Amino acid sequence: MFADAYRVYERYAHEIVRLAVLADTRPGSRPNRFEVGRWGRRRGLEFTSVKLLDYAGREAELDADTNLFATVVLTHLAAQATDNGVG
């Protein structure tokens, strides 16, 4: 994401919206920044994140939605529910 954002900016001189879709099972993990650095210098990237786990309990709403992404989220939640806590 960091390299892609830089390359788009370098080539087109336009900022892009960066969105991370988090599909893990850790409710407390919500990264929104990436940083690298050396010798006291830091370079970073901030991004918006969406956690699929936040949609648990909203399956009926997702099922009624015609947006393809709603179907993907619903499928992901069903897969997590059958995973017996592994993943």
C-alpha atoms as a PDB file:
ATOM      1  CA  MET A   1       0.000   0.000   0.000  1.00  0.00           C
ATOM      2  CA  PHE A   2       2.861   2.348   0.873  1.00  0.00           C
ATOM      3  CA  ALA A   3       4.723   1.758  -2.390  1.00  0.00           C
ATOM      4  CA  ASP A   4       1.550   1.938  -4.505  1.00  0.00           C
ATOM      5  CA  ALA A   5       0.462   5.223  -2.918  1.00  0.00           C
ATOM      6  CA  TYR A   6       3.875   6.736  -3.595  1.00  0.00           C
ATOM      7  CA  ARG A   7       3.960   5.505  -7.187  1.00  0.00           C
ATOM      8  CA  VAL A   8       0.509   6.911  -7.958  1.00  0.00           C
ATOM      9  CA  TYR A   9       1.502  10.245  -6.441  1.00  0.00           C
ATOM     10  CA  GLU A  10       4.836  10.274  -8.270  1.00  0.00           C
ATOM     11  CA  ARG A  11       3.296   9.483 -11.649  1.00  0.00           C
ATOM     12  CA  TYR A  12       0.023  11.443 -11.513  1.00  0.00           C
ATOM     13  CA  ALA A  13       0.599  13.956  -8.667  1.00  0.00           C
ATOM     14  CA  HIS A  14      -2.688  12.855  -7.079  1.00  0.00           C
ATOM     15  CA  GLU A  15      -3.358  11.549  -3.618  1.00  0.00           C
ATOM     16  CA  ILE A  16      -5.369   8.347  -3.420  1.00  0.00           C
ATOM     17  CA  VAL A  17      -7.715   7.071  -0.744  1.00  0.00           C
ATOM     18  CA  ARG A  18      -6.141   4.128   1.052  1.00  0.00           C
ATOM     19  CA  LEU A  19      -8.467   1.566   2.573  1.00  0.00           C
ATOM     20  CA  ALA A  20      -7.422  -1.602   4.382  1.00  0.00           C
ATOM     21  CA  VAL A  21     -10.049  -4.321   4.742  1.00  0.00           C
ATOM     22  CA  LEU A  22      -9.198  -6.265   7.911  1.00  0.00           C
ATOM     23  CA  ALA A  23     -10.417  -9.860   7.830  1.00  0.00           C
ATOM     24  CA  ASP A  24      -8.741 -11.138  11.003  1.00  0.00           C
ATOM     25  CA  THR A  25     -10.475 -12.372  14.167  1.00  0.00           C
ATOM     26  CA  ARG A  26      -8.778 -10.006  16.654  1.00  0.00           C
ATOM     27  CA  PRO A  27     -11.327  -7.344  17.703  1.00  0.00           C
ATOM     28  CA  GLY A  28      -8.703  -5.099  19.301  1.00  0.00           C
ATOM     29  CA  SER A  29      -6.364  -4.972  16.318  1.00  0.00           C
ATOM     30  CA  ARG A  30      -7.138  -1.856  14.260  1.00  0.00           C
ATOM     31  CA  PRO A  31      -4.044  -0.607  12.469  1.00  0.00           C
ATOM     32  CA  ASN A  32      -4.320   2.684  10.618  1.00  0.00           C
ATOM     33  CA  ARG A  33      -0.681   3.574  10.006  1.00  0.00           C
ATOM     34  CA  PHE A  34       2.458   2.101   8.477  1.00  0.00           C
ATOM     35  CA  GLU A  35       5.898   3.515   9.262  1.00  0.00           C
ATOM     36  CA  VAL A  36       9.469   2.789   8.318  1.00  0.00           C
ATOM     37  CA  GLY A  37      12.572   4.611   9.413  1.00  0.00           C
ATOM     38  CA  ARG A  38      16.257   4.662  10.025  1.00  0.00           C
ATOM     39  CA  TRP A  39      18.695   6.954  11.814  1.00  0.00           C
ATOM     40  CA  GLY A  40      16.002   8.990  13.498  1.00  0.00           C
ATOM     41  CA  ARG A  41      14.024   9.651  10.319  1.00  0.00           C
ATOM     42  CA  ARG A  42      10.500   8.269   9.823  1.00  0.00           C
ATOM     43  CA  ARG A  43       8.340   7.907   6.748  1.00  0.00           C
ATOM     44  CA  GLY A  44       4.760   6.824   7.105  1.00  0.00           C
ATOM     45  CA  LEU A  45       1.381   6.294   5.604  1.00  0.00           C
ATOM     46  CA  GLU A  46      -1.999   6.669   7.275  1.00  0.00           C
ATOM     47  CA  PHE A  47      -4.997   4.760   6.001  1.00  0.00           C
ATOM     48  CA  THR A  48      -8.614   4.067   6.804  1.00  0.00           C
ATOM     49  CA  SER A  49      -9.430   0.543   7.882  1.00  0.00           C
ATOM     50  CA  VAL A  50     -12.670  -1.421   7.879  1.00  0.00           C
ATOM     51  CA  LYS A  51     -12.943  -4.510  10.064  1.00  0.00           C
ATOM     52  CA  LEU A  52     -15.219  -7.235   8.672  1.00  0.00           C
ATOM     53  CA  LEU A  53     -15.692  -8.517  12.220  1.00  0.00           C
ATOM     54  CA  ASP A  54     -17.668  -5.314  12.934  1.00  0.00           C
ATOM     55  CA  TYR A  55     -20.437  -6.647  10.680  1.00  0.00           C
ATOM     56  CA  ALA A  56     -21.048  -9.736  12.843  1.00  0.00           C
ATOM     57  CA  GLY A  57     -24.643  -9.667  14.060  1.00  0.00           C
ATOM     58  CA  ARG A  58     -25.769  -7.727  10.995  1.00  0.00           C
ATOM     59  CA  GLU A  59     -26.191 -10.785   8.771  1.00  0.00           C
ATOM     60  CA  ALA A  60     -29.881 -10.080   8.017  1.00  0.00           C
ATOM     61  CA  GLU A  61     -29.002  -6.565   6.884  1.00  0.00           C
ATOM     62  CA  LEU A  62     -26.151  -7.868   4.724  1.00  0.00           C
ATOM     63  CA  ASP A  63     -28.369 -10.572   3.249  1.00  0.00           C
ATOM     64  CA  ALA A  64     -30.966  -7.980   2.198  1.00  0.00           C
ATOM     65  CA  ASP A  65     -28.356  -5.710   0.602  1.00  0.00           C
ATOM     66  CA  THR A  66     -27.868  -6.018  -3.173  1.00  0.00           C
ATOM     67  CA  ASN A  67     -24.291  -4.735  -3.041  1.00  0.00           C
ATOM     68  CA  LEU A  68     -21.792  -7.455  -4.005  1.00  0.00           C
ATOM     69  CA  PHE A  69     -19.507  -6.433  -1.149  1.00  0.00           C
ATOM     70  CA  ALA A  70     -22.308  -7.271   1.324  1.00  0.00           C
ATOM     71  CA  THR A  71     -22.339 -10.808  -0.073  1.00  0.00           C
ATOM     72  CA  VAL A  72     -18.552 -11.053   0.293  1.00  0.00           C
ATOM     73  CA  VAL A  73     -18.738  -9.883   3.925  1.00  0.00           C
ATOM     74  CA  LEU A  74     -21.588 -12.284   4.676  1.00  0.00           C
ATOM     75  CA  THR A  75     -19.624 -15.174   3.165  1.00  0.00           C
ATOM     76  CA  HIS A  76     -16.525 -14.204   5.153  1.00  0.00           C
ATOM     77  CA  LEU A  77     -18.486 -14.069   8.417  1.00  0.00           C
ATOM     78  CA  ALA A  78     -19.998 -17.504   7.713  1.00  0.00           C
ATOM     79  CA  ALA A  79     -16.517 -18.911   7.039  1.00  0.00           C
ATOM     80  CA  GLN A  80     -15.184 -17.435  10.287  1.00  0.00           C
ATOM     81  CA  ALA A  81     -18.112 -18.924  12.208  1.00  0.00           C
ATOM     82  CA  THR A  82     -17.274 -22.424  10.933  1.00  0.00           C
ATOM     83  CA  ASP A  83     -13.557 -22.030  11.593  1.00  0.00           C
ATOM     84  CA  ASN A  84     -13.781 -23.075  15.282  1.00  0.00           C
ATOM     85  CA  GLY A  85     -11.775 -20.046  16.358  1.00  0.00           C
ATOM     86  CA  VAL A  86      -8.774 -20.850  14.164  1.00  0.00           C
ATOM     87  CA  GLY A  87      -7.431 -18.075  11.961  1.00  0.00           C
END
